[in-house]
Protein backbone atom coordinates (compact mmCIF):
# COMPACT_ATOMS: atom_id res chain seq x y z
CA MET A 1 75.47 116.68 157.96
CA ALA A 2 73.19 114.00 159.36
CA ARG A 3 69.52 114.17 158.50
CA ALA A 4 66.73 113.17 160.84
CA ASP A 5 66.53 109.76 159.16
CA GLY A 6 70.23 109.13 159.91
CA ALA A 7 71.48 109.59 156.34
CA TYR A 8 74.48 111.84 155.74
CA ILE A 9 74.32 114.57 153.13
CA TRP A 10 76.60 117.29 151.80
CA ILE A 11 75.48 120.81 152.68
CA GLU A 12 76.55 124.12 151.18
CA ALA A 13 75.97 127.02 153.61
CA SER A 14 76.10 130.73 152.85
CA SER A 15 75.56 133.50 155.40
CA ARG A 16 75.16 137.25 155.28
CA LEU A 17 74.43 140.06 157.71
CA ALA A 18 70.95 141.54 157.66
CA THR A 19 68.78 143.87 159.72
CA MET A 20 65.37 142.57 160.62
CA SER A 21 63.00 144.88 162.60
CA ASP A 22 65.99 147.06 163.46
CA VAL A 23 67.73 144.04 164.96
CA PRO A 24 71.12 143.02 163.45
CA SER A 25 70.79 139.42 162.27
CA VAL A 26 72.61 136.70 160.36
CA VAL A 27 70.72 135.00 157.56
CA THR A 28 72.03 131.54 156.63
CA VAL A 29 70.93 129.49 153.63
CA TRP A 30 71.51 125.74 153.68
CA ARG A 31 71.50 123.85 150.37
CA ASP A 32 71.74 120.09 149.78
CA VAL A 33 74.58 119.58 147.24
CA SER A 34 74.95 115.82 147.67
CA ALA A 35 74.14 115.15 144.00
CA GLN A 36 76.72 117.69 142.80
CA VAL A 37 79.41 116.32 145.13
CA GLY A 38 78.65 112.81 143.91
CA ILE A 39 79.03 113.84 140.27
CA GLU A 40 82.32 115.60 141.00
CA ALA A 41 83.61 112.51 142.81
CA GLU A 42 82.67 110.34 139.82
CA ILE A 43 84.44 112.72 137.43
CA LYS A 44 87.55 112.72 139.63
CA ALA A 45 87.55 108.92 139.82
CA ALA A 46 87.05 108.62 136.06
CA ARG A 47 89.91 111.06 135.42
CA ALA A 48 92.21 109.11 137.75
CA GLU A 49 91.22 105.86 136.05
CA ALA A 50 91.88 107.33 132.59
CA GLU A 51 95.26 108.68 133.67
CA ALA A 52 96.20 105.31 135.14
CA ALA A 53 95.10 103.55 131.95
CA SER A 54 97.10 106.00 129.85
CA ALA A 55 100.18 105.51 132.03
CA ALA A 56 99.77 101.73 131.84
CA LYS A 57 99.41 101.90 128.07
CA ALA A 58 102.49 104.10 127.74
CA GLY A 59 104.46 101.72 129.95
CA PHE A 60 103.30 98.72 127.94
CA LEU A 61 104.24 100.39 124.65
CA ALA A 62 107.68 101.35 125.93
CA ASN A 63 108.27 97.82 127.20
CA MET A 64 106.99 96.25 123.98
CA SER A 65 109.22 98.56 121.96
CA HIS A 66 112.26 97.50 123.99
CA GLU A 67 111.45 93.79 123.96
CA ILE A 68 110.91 93.67 120.19
CA ARG A 69 113.62 96.09 119.08
CA THR A 70 116.34 94.37 121.11
CA PRO A 71 116.21 91.00 119.28
CA MET A 72 115.45 92.70 115.95
CA ASN A 73 118.60 94.75 116.46
CA GLY A 74 120.59 91.52 116.28
CA VAL A 75 118.69 90.11 113.30
CA ILE A 76 118.94 93.22 111.11
CA GLY A 77 122.40 94.25 112.28
CA PHE A 78 124.11 90.92 111.68
CA ALA A 79 122.32 90.49 108.35
CA GLU A 80 123.70 93.85 107.19
CA LEU A 81 127.16 92.97 108.49
CA LEU A 82 126.93 89.69 106.60
CA LEU A 83 126.09 91.55 103.40
CA THR A 84 129.38 93.47 103.64
CA SER A 85 131.41 90.23 103.56
CA LYS A 86 132.29 87.94 100.66
CA LEU A 87 129.27 85.80 99.83
CA THR A 88 128.10 83.58 97.02
CA ASP A 89 125.10 84.76 95.02
CA GLU A 90 122.83 82.35 96.89
CA GLN A 91 124.18 83.42 100.29
CA ARG A 92 123.77 87.08 99.39
CA ARG A 93 120.18 86.47 98.30
CA ASP A 94 119.39 84.72 101.59
CA ALA A 95 121.08 87.45 103.66
CA ASN A 96 119.15 90.10 101.73
CA LEU A 97 115.89 88.29 102.48
CA ILE A 98 116.72 88.25 106.20
CA ALA A 99 117.57 91.97 106.20
CA GLU A 100 114.49 92.93 104.16
CA SER A 101 112.19 90.82 106.35
CA GLY A 102 113.67 92.41 109.46
CA ARG A 103 113.19 95.91 108.08
CA ALA A 104 109.59 95.08 107.12
CA MET A 105 108.99 93.86 110.67
CA MET A 106 110.46 97.06 112.09
CA LYS A 107 108.33 99.23 109.79
CA LEU A 108 105.20 97.44 110.99
CA LEU A 109 106.29 97.85 114.61
CA ASN A 110 107.06 101.54 114.13
CA ASP A 111 103.69 102.13 112.45
CA ILE A 112 101.79 100.43 115.27
CA LEU A 113 103.81 102.29 117.91
CA ASP A 114 103.26 105.63 116.19
CA LEU A 115 99.53 105.03 115.98
CA SER A 116 99.41 103.95 119.62
CA LYS A 117 101.47 106.95 120.73
CA ILE A 118 99.11 109.32 118.93
CA GLU A 119 96.08 107.70 120.57
CA ALA A 120 97.77 107.80 123.99
CA GLY A 121 98.77 111.44 123.55
CA GLN A 122 102.43 110.45 123.83
CA LEU A 123 103.58 111.75 120.44
CA ASP A 124 104.93 115.28 120.62
CA VAL A 125 105.39 117.60 117.66
CA VAL A 126 108.50 119.78 117.82
CA THR A 127 108.96 123.15 116.14
CA GLU A 128 112.48 123.99 115.02
CA PRO A 129 114.15 125.43 111.92
CA PHE A 130 115.13 122.95 109.22
CA ASP A 131 116.11 122.86 105.56
CA LEU A 132 112.90 121.94 103.71
CA PRO A 133 114.34 121.16 100.23
CA HIS A 134 117.06 119.01 101.78
CA ALA A 135 114.49 117.05 103.82
CA ILE A 136 112.25 116.41 100.80
CA LYS A 137 115.17 115.46 98.55
CA ALA A 138 116.45 113.06 101.21
CA CYS A 139 113.10 111.24 101.02
CA GLY A 140 113.41 111.07 97.25
CA LYS A 141 116.94 109.73 97.48
CA LEU A 142 115.84 106.92 99.78
CA LEU A 143 113.12 105.76 97.39
CA THR A 144 114.96 106.33 94.10
CA PRO A 145 116.09 102.66 93.89
CA SER A 146 112.46 101.48 94.14
CA ALA A 147 111.44 103.76 91.26
CA LEU A 148 114.45 102.70 89.19
CA GLN A 149 113.65 99.04 89.73
CA LYS A 150 110.14 99.56 88.29
CA GLN A 151 111.42 101.92 85.54
CA LEU A 152 109.15 104.74 86.65
CA SER A 153 109.77 108.41 85.97
CA PHE A 154 110.43 110.18 89.24
CA ALA A 155 110.58 113.97 89.69
CA ILE A 156 110.67 116.39 92.61
CA VAL A 157 109.68 119.97 91.79
CA PHE A 158 110.11 123.00 94.07
CA GLU A 159 108.15 126.07 92.99
CA ASP A 160 109.63 129.57 93.28
CA LYS A 161 108.00 130.61 96.56
CA VAL A 162 109.25 127.60 98.51
CA PRO A 163 111.60 128.82 101.28
CA GLN A 164 114.82 127.08 102.16
CA MET A 165 114.41 127.20 105.95
CA ILE A 166 111.08 126.79 107.76
CA LEU A 167 109.92 126.14 111.30
CA GLY A 168 108.37 122.73 111.77
CA ASP A 169 108.86 119.10 112.72
CA ALA A 170 111.32 117.83 110.12
CA LEU A 171 111.09 114.22 111.33
CA ARG A 172 107.30 114.04 111.04
CA ILE A 173 107.20 115.86 107.70
CA ARG A 174 109.74 113.39 106.32
CA GLN A 175 107.66 110.54 107.73
CA ILE A 176 104.56 111.79 105.91
CA VAL A 177 106.44 112.27 102.62
CA LEU A 178 108.06 108.83 102.85
CA ASN A 179 104.67 107.21 103.50
CA LEU A 180 102.99 108.96 100.58
CA LEU A 181 105.93 108.50 98.23
CA GLY A 182 106.33 104.84 99.17
CA ASN A 183 102.65 104.18 98.47
CA ALA A 184 102.78 106.04 95.16
CA ILE A 185 105.72 103.98 93.92
CA LYS A 186 104.30 100.71 95.26
CA PHE A 187 100.93 101.14 93.55
CA THR A 188 102.30 102.41 90.22
CA GLU A 189 103.34 99.93 87.54
CA GLN A 190 103.73 102.28 84.56
CA GLY A 191 104.26 106.00 84.15
CA GLY A 192 105.71 107.83 87.10
CA VAL A 193 105.51 109.74 90.35
CA THR A 194 105.90 113.49 90.82
CA VAL A 195 106.33 115.42 94.07
CA THR A 196 105.48 119.13 93.84
CA VAL A 197 106.28 121.45 96.74
CA SER A 198 104.70 124.92 96.82
CA VAL A 199 103.48 127.64 99.18
CA ASP A 200 99.99 129.17 99.15
CA ASP A 201 100.44 132.66 100.63
CA ARG A 202 96.96 133.98 99.84
CA LEU A 203 95.73 133.22 103.36
CA LEU A 204 96.59 135.03 106.58
CA THR A 205 98.74 132.04 107.55
CA PRO A 206 100.61 130.71 104.49
CA ARG A 207 100.28 126.99 103.79
CA LEU A 208 103.01 124.61 102.71
CA LEU A 209 101.61 122.26 100.05
CA ILE A 210 103.30 118.93 99.31
CA LYS A 211 101.58 117.19 96.42
CA VAL A 212 102.38 113.56 95.50
CA ALA A 213 100.89 112.53 92.16
CA ASP A 214 101.15 109.09 90.54
CA THR A 215 99.80 107.26 87.50
CA GLY A 216 99.02 104.12 89.47
CA ILE A 217 95.97 101.97 90.12
CA GLY A 218 93.91 104.73 91.72
CA ILE A 219 91.15 104.43 94.31
CA THR A 220 87.45 103.95 93.67
CA PRO A 221 85.09 106.71 94.93
CA GLU A 222 83.38 104.42 97.45
CA ARG A 223 86.74 103.57 99.09
CA GLN A 224 88.13 107.10 99.19
CA ALA A 225 86.11 108.12 102.26
CA SER A 226 87.66 105.37 104.41
CA ILE A 227 91.18 105.27 102.97
CA PHE A 228 92.59 107.31 105.89
CA GLU A 229 91.24 104.87 108.49
CA GLU A 230 93.50 102.37 110.25
CA PHE A 231 94.17 99.03 108.53
CA VAL A 232 92.21 100.08 105.43
CA GLN A 233 93.35 99.63 101.82
CA ALA A 234 91.50 100.11 98.56
CA ASP A 235 90.26 96.49 98.65
CA HIS A 236 91.37 93.05 99.81
CA SER A 237 92.97 92.23 96.47
CA ILE A 238 95.35 95.17 97.04
CA THR A 239 96.54 93.60 100.29
CA ARG A 240 97.07 90.23 98.62
CA ARG A 241 98.94 91.71 95.65
CA TYR A 242 100.95 94.54 97.18
CA GLY A 243 101.06 93.71 100.88
CA GLY A 244 101.10 96.33 103.62
CA THR A 245 98.92 97.01 106.65
CA GLY A 246 96.95 100.09 105.63
CA LEU A 247 98.50 102.15 108.44
CA GLY A 248 100.64 104.56 106.41
CA LEU A 249 97.89 106.92 105.28
CA ALA A 250 96.13 106.81 108.66
CA ILE A 251 99.34 107.79 110.46
CA SER A 252 100.16 110.48 107.89
CA ASN A 253 96.69 111.98 108.26
CA ARG A 254 96.94 112.06 112.05
CA LEU A 255 100.43 113.55 111.95
CA ALA A 256 99.25 116.28 109.59
CA LYS A 257 96.37 117.13 111.95
CA LEU A 258 98.77 117.20 114.93
CA MET A 259 100.78 119.84 113.04
CA GLY A 260 97.66 121.90 112.30
CA GLY A 261 97.26 120.67 108.74
CA ASP A 262 95.30 118.16 106.71
CA ILE A 263 95.57 115.73 103.81
CA THR A 264 93.25 115.64 100.79
CA LEU A 265 92.95 113.06 98.04
CA VAL A 266 91.87 113.15 94.40
CA SER A 267 91.83 109.82 92.59
CA THR A 268 90.33 107.97 89.65
CA SER A 269 90.37 104.20 89.62
CA GLY A 270 92.87 103.02 87.03
CA SER A 271 94.22 106.51 86.31
CA GLY A 272 96.25 107.47 89.36
CA THR A 273 96.05 109.39 92.61
CA THR A 274 97.08 112.83 93.83
CA ILE A 275 97.45 113.37 97.57
CA THR A 276 98.10 116.87 98.93
CA VAL A 277 99.48 117.63 102.37
CA SER A 278 98.69 121.14 103.61
CA LEU A 279 100.61 122.47 106.63
CA PRO A 280 100.78 125.96 108.16
CA VAL A 281 104.02 127.89 107.65
CA ASN A 282 105.12 130.64 110.00
CA THR A 283 106.58 133.26 107.64
CA ALA A 284 108.21 135.12 110.54
CA ALA A 285 110.39 132.09 111.14
CA LEU A 286 111.77 131.85 107.63
CA LYS A 287 115.52 132.21 107.37
CA PRO A 288 117.64 132.81 104.27
CA ALA A 289 119.76 130.00 102.92
CA LEU A 290 123.38 129.88 103.95
CA PRO A 291 125.76 131.27 101.35
CA GLU A 292 127.69 128.64 99.43
CA ALA A 293 130.98 129.41 101.20
CA ALA A 294 129.38 128.97 104.62
CA GLN A 295 128.01 125.49 103.99
CA PRO A 296 129.51 123.08 106.50
CA SER A 297 130.59 119.54 105.70
CA VAL A 298 130.48 116.33 107.67
CA THR A 299 133.81 114.72 108.53
CA VAL A 300 134.69 111.37 110.04
CA ALA A 301 137.12 110.44 112.77
CA THR A 302 140.70 110.28 111.49
CA ARG A 303 142.00 107.67 113.95
CA PRO A 304 140.56 104.92 116.17
CA ALA A 305 138.73 105.84 119.35
CA ARG A 306 138.73 104.07 122.73
CA ILE A 307 135.07 103.21 123.33
CA LEU A 308 133.32 101.75 126.36
CA LEU A 309 130.19 99.75 125.53
CA ALA A 310 127.79 99.13 128.44
CA GLU A 311 125.34 96.48 127.21
CA ASP A 312 123.95 93.39 128.96
CA HIS A 313 122.46 91.68 125.89
CA GLU A 314 125.07 89.28 124.47
CA VAL A 315 123.89 89.48 120.86
CA ASN A 316 123.93 93.28 120.96
CA GLN A 317 127.42 93.21 122.50
CA LEU A 318 128.73 91.18 119.58
CA LEU A 319 126.87 93.27 117.01
CA VAL A 320 127.91 96.73 118.23
CA ARG A 321 131.51 95.62 118.76
CA ALA A 322 131.64 94.17 115.23
CA MET A 323 130.22 97.38 113.76
CA LEU A 324 132.67 99.58 115.67
CA ALA A 325 135.53 97.27 114.71
CA ARG A 326 134.70 97.94 111.05
CA GLY A 327 135.55 101.57 111.83
CA GLY A 328 138.85 100.55 113.42
CA HIS A 329 137.78 101.43 116.96
CA ASP A 330 138.93 99.77 120.20
CA VAL A 331 135.95 98.54 122.24
CA THR A 332 135.72 97.49 125.89
CA ILE A 333 132.49 95.78 126.99
CA VAL A 334 130.85 95.85 130.43
CA VAL A 335 127.54 94.22 131.29
CA ASP A 336 125.91 96.69 133.70
CA GLY A 337 125.91 100.31 134.77
CA ARG A 338 127.98 99.78 137.92
CA ALA A 339 130.73 98.13 135.89
CA ALA A 340 130.59 101.07 133.45
CA VAL A 341 131.14 103.58 136.27
CA ASP A 342 134.05 101.52 137.60
CA ALA A 343 135.59 101.21 134.13
CA VAL A 344 135.44 104.98 133.57
CA ARG A 345 136.98 105.67 136.99
CA GLU A 346 139.80 103.16 136.44
CA SER A 347 140.59 104.47 132.95
CA ASN A 348 140.84 108.01 134.31
CA ASP A 349 143.08 106.86 137.19
CA VAL A 350 145.62 105.27 134.83
CA GLY A 351 145.59 108.24 132.47
CA ARG A 352 143.91 106.45 129.54
CA PRO A 353 140.37 107.84 129.55
CA TYR A 354 137.76 106.59 127.14
CA ASP A 355 136.87 108.79 124.19
CA LEU A 356 133.21 107.76 124.18
CA VAL A 357 130.65 105.63 126.03
CA PHE A 358 127.72 103.82 124.42
CA MET A 359 125.27 103.20 127.27
CA ASP A 360 122.33 100.80 127.11
CA MET A 361 119.32 102.08 129.02
CA GLN A 362 118.04 98.89 130.65
CA MET A 363 120.70 96.88 132.48
CA PRO A 364 120.88 94.91 135.74
CA VAL A 365 122.55 96.18 138.95
CA MET A 366 122.50 99.80 137.71
CA ASP A 367 120.65 101.10 134.65
CA GLY A 368 122.07 103.47 132.07
CA LEU A 369 120.49 106.59 133.56
CA ALA A 370 121.91 105.99 137.03
CA ALA A 371 125.31 105.11 135.57
CA THR A 372 125.37 108.33 133.55
CA ARG A 373 124.53 110.42 136.61
CA ALA A 374 127.31 108.69 138.56
CA ILE A 375 129.85 109.34 135.79
CA ARG A 376 128.84 113.00 135.57
CA ALA A 377 129.22 113.31 139.35
CA MET A 378 132.82 112.06 139.08
CA GLU A 379 133.82 114.62 136.45
CA SER A 380 135.78 117.71 137.38
CA PRO A 381 136.21 121.03 135.55
CA GLN A 382 139.84 120.10 134.84
CA ASN A 383 138.84 117.03 132.80
CA ALA A 384 137.13 117.01 129.43
CA ARG A 385 133.49 115.97 129.45
CA LEU A 386 133.13 112.31 128.45
CA PRO A 387 130.54 111.92 125.67
CA ILE A 388 127.86 109.39 126.64
CA ILE A 389 125.47 108.15 123.96
CA ALA A 390 122.33 106.21 124.87
CA LEU A 391 121.54 102.96 123.11
CA THR A 392 117.78 102.86 123.43
CA ALA A 393 114.96 100.76 122.07
CA ASN A 394 112.31 103.04 123.57
CA ALA A 395 110.57 105.14 120.93
CA PHE A 396 109.02 107.83 123.12
CA SER A 397 110.24 111.41 123.16
CA ALA A 398 109.85 111.45 126.95
CA ASP A 399 112.47 108.71 127.17
CA LEU A 400 114.89 110.78 125.11
CA ASP A 401 114.24 113.80 127.33
CA THR A 402 115.05 111.62 130.34
CA CYS A 403 118.33 110.62 128.70
CA ARG A 404 119.33 114.26 128.24
CA GLU A 405 118.29 115.17 131.77
CA ALA A 406 120.50 112.38 133.13
CA GLY A 407 123.49 113.87 131.31
CA MET A 408 123.60 111.90 128.07
CA ASP A 409 124.76 113.78 124.99
CA ASP A 410 122.98 111.89 122.22
CA HIS A 411 121.14 108.67 121.46
CA VAL A 412 121.25 105.90 118.87
CA ALA A 413 118.00 104.02 118.37
CA LYS A 414 117.79 100.26 118.10
CA PRO A 415 117.94 98.51 115.69
CA VAL A 416 121.39 100.04 115.30
CA ALA A 417 122.60 100.87 111.78
CA MET A 418 126.35 100.72 111.28
CA GLU A 419 126.54 104.07 109.49
CA THR A 420 124.58 105.73 112.32
CA LEU A 421 126.86 104.21 114.93
CA LEU A 422 130.07 105.26 113.16
CA ALA A 423 128.67 108.73 112.47
CA ALA A 424 128.00 109.13 116.20
CA VAL A 425 131.60 108.17 116.95
CA ALA A 426 132.85 110.68 114.40
CA ARG A 427 130.69 113.40 115.84
CA TRP A 428 131.40 112.86 119.53
CA SER A 429 134.82 111.25 119.85
CA GLY A 430 136.60 114.59 119.35
CA ARG A 431 139.14 113.11 116.96
CA THR A 432 138.92 116.12 114.66
CA ALA A 433 137.80 119.67 115.29
CA GLU A 434 135.53 119.41 112.28
CA ALA A 435 133.86 116.27 113.57
CA GLU A 436 132.98 117.87 116.89
CA ALA A 437 131.35 120.86 115.22
CA ALA A 438 129.73 118.97 112.37
CA PRO A 439 125.94 119.22 112.04
CA GLU A 440 123.72 116.22 111.54
CA ALA A 441 123.13 117.03 107.87
CA VAL A 442 124.65 119.10 105.13
CA ILE A 443 122.48 122.11 104.20
CA LEU A 444 121.98 122.13 100.45
CA ALA A 445 121.10 125.00 98.15
CA PRO A 446 117.49 124.91 96.90
CA VAL A 447 116.86 122.93 93.72
CA ARG A 448 113.77 123.98 91.82
CA VAL A 449 113.41 120.91 89.61
CA LYS A 450 115.03 117.56 90.30
CA THR A 451 114.41 114.67 87.90
CA TRP A 452 115.66 111.40 89.21
CA PHE A 453 114.94 109.03 86.31
CA LYS A 454 112.99 108.88 83.07
CA PRO A 455 112.66 105.42 81.53
CA SER A 456 113.05 104.13 78.01
CA THR A 457 114.34 100.93 76.50
CA SER A 458 117.53 102.41 75.07
CA ALA A 459 121.05 101.65 76.27
CA GLN A 460 121.46 105.35 77.06
CA THR A 461 118.55 105.13 79.49
CA LYS A 462 120.10 102.15 81.25
CA TYR A 463 123.31 104.15 81.56
CA ASP A 464 121.35 107.11 82.97
CA ALA A 465 119.65 104.82 85.47
CA HIS A 466 122.94 103.43 86.75
CA ARG A 467 124.38 106.95 86.80
CA ALA A 468 121.45 108.24 88.88
CA ALA A 469 121.75 105.36 91.33
CA THR A 470 125.51 105.91 91.64
CA LEU A 471 125.08 109.64 92.24
CA ALA A 472 122.42 108.95 94.87
CA MET A 473 124.85 106.60 96.62
CA ILE A 474 127.62 109.20 96.49
CA GLU A 475 125.29 111.90 97.87
CA GLY A 476 124.38 109.52 100.68
CA LEU A 477 128.02 109.49 101.75
CA SER A 478 127.83 113.30 102.24
CA CYS A 479 130.49 113.94 99.59
CA ALA A 480 130.80 117.51 98.37
CA SER A 481 132.37 116.76 94.98
CA VAL A 482 130.34 116.96 91.77
CA VAL A 483 130.50 114.08 89.28
CA SER A 484 130.12 115.03 85.64
CA ASP A 485 129.28 112.79 82.69
CA ALA A 486 132.94 112.87 81.66
CA ASP A 487 133.96 111.46 85.05
CA MET A 488 131.60 108.48 84.97
CA ALA A 489 134.07 106.15 83.25
CA ALA A 490 136.60 106.69 86.02
CA VAL A 491 133.92 106.21 88.68
CA ALA A 492 132.76 102.98 87.04
CA THR A 493 136.35 101.70 86.95
CA MET A 494 136.74 102.34 90.68
CA LEU A 495 133.43 100.68 91.48
CA HIS A 496 134.40 97.55 89.59
């Protein structure tokens, strides 16, 4: 509405019927709401600006993830391939340094990306059933070599009330445990590290408690309040001596809060630290452990598979082909999505269809998503579904959802590990009935107390250390057989 002075204002009008002096009338109230409309417009503009900034940040993070992971895929992958060949001691040392430096770089990248995703609201927590003891023991198995190298005692204890199956985010719980366990081992020079898993069911909602205790350097009281902040360590001398970025605890704390939990710390400088993760447990979701006879096993493909690799990056082409060749597989390479669609069509026409496609996400001419949709559109009910696995450097769950929506069956993250790549072939190539039905992990029976290593200076202790490391390696291969002390001589003979 225009005022007498020519200015325009926003008016809110409300009318109602009324009777005045026995005459039916309409009473209208006019109210100037220009200030309110202005505030609402500012809020709307601010919201749009924030959403645009969030989208820009998410896009930048996804692009940065891809641009860094792609070259690191080549560095780490070829270093690990090199380590499987015959090398001199000096060459092996140099190759190990390359691989370790690459992995350190990737850990830093993953930490920064995780922190950025949490701040951008891009990190989603999933809730699904998983085997809790198996997940915790897997973390211990990964870090056993570090404890052995420092001759630390290392134990994982599960108390009686700990369930086998719980509802939760297995990936994020493992990430928290690995962060806490890695810190405990890194900052402990003598003594040991103990992980205790228990359930506090005294509250209305039971709490899962994961306690990591060490006998390390400890944290002074004045530093404890800020230890969960980003890029913070106990003091600058810690950074110089032990390295690290100070992101692990900050990320763990934020992940715990995302899952409705928290992390508490008790520490004495020079005497060690105990960190406790408390997470809610939904008792209605608990499931009994599978009986021993029903435990599935993971199998591998029994004969070579015909694989199509769609990848435009030359280094990644060479790397993935070399890794698949180690598994005896036949690999055909195309450089874009359109060529992948044509290759699938031609192979079907001549009666030699591919067993599996590894599809890069970002390629010229046609990207991996469009190529997957085109391949799915060509399929008919008479033909078996062609497994398509995404090769992706993007670390966002939304990207993985997009892969599935396009028709992809699975994904392998870059940097690509050879065992992950070959396991994906075994799972999806359909070479054995067992491989097609195999789960991602073997479900293990609960173990109440697991002692990985207790040090001493005796020869027996050195034997025990090598035995523990060997058993951890065998478990990592998903073998079901049990190795007894009496069998160790035969195992040692085979290893040498």
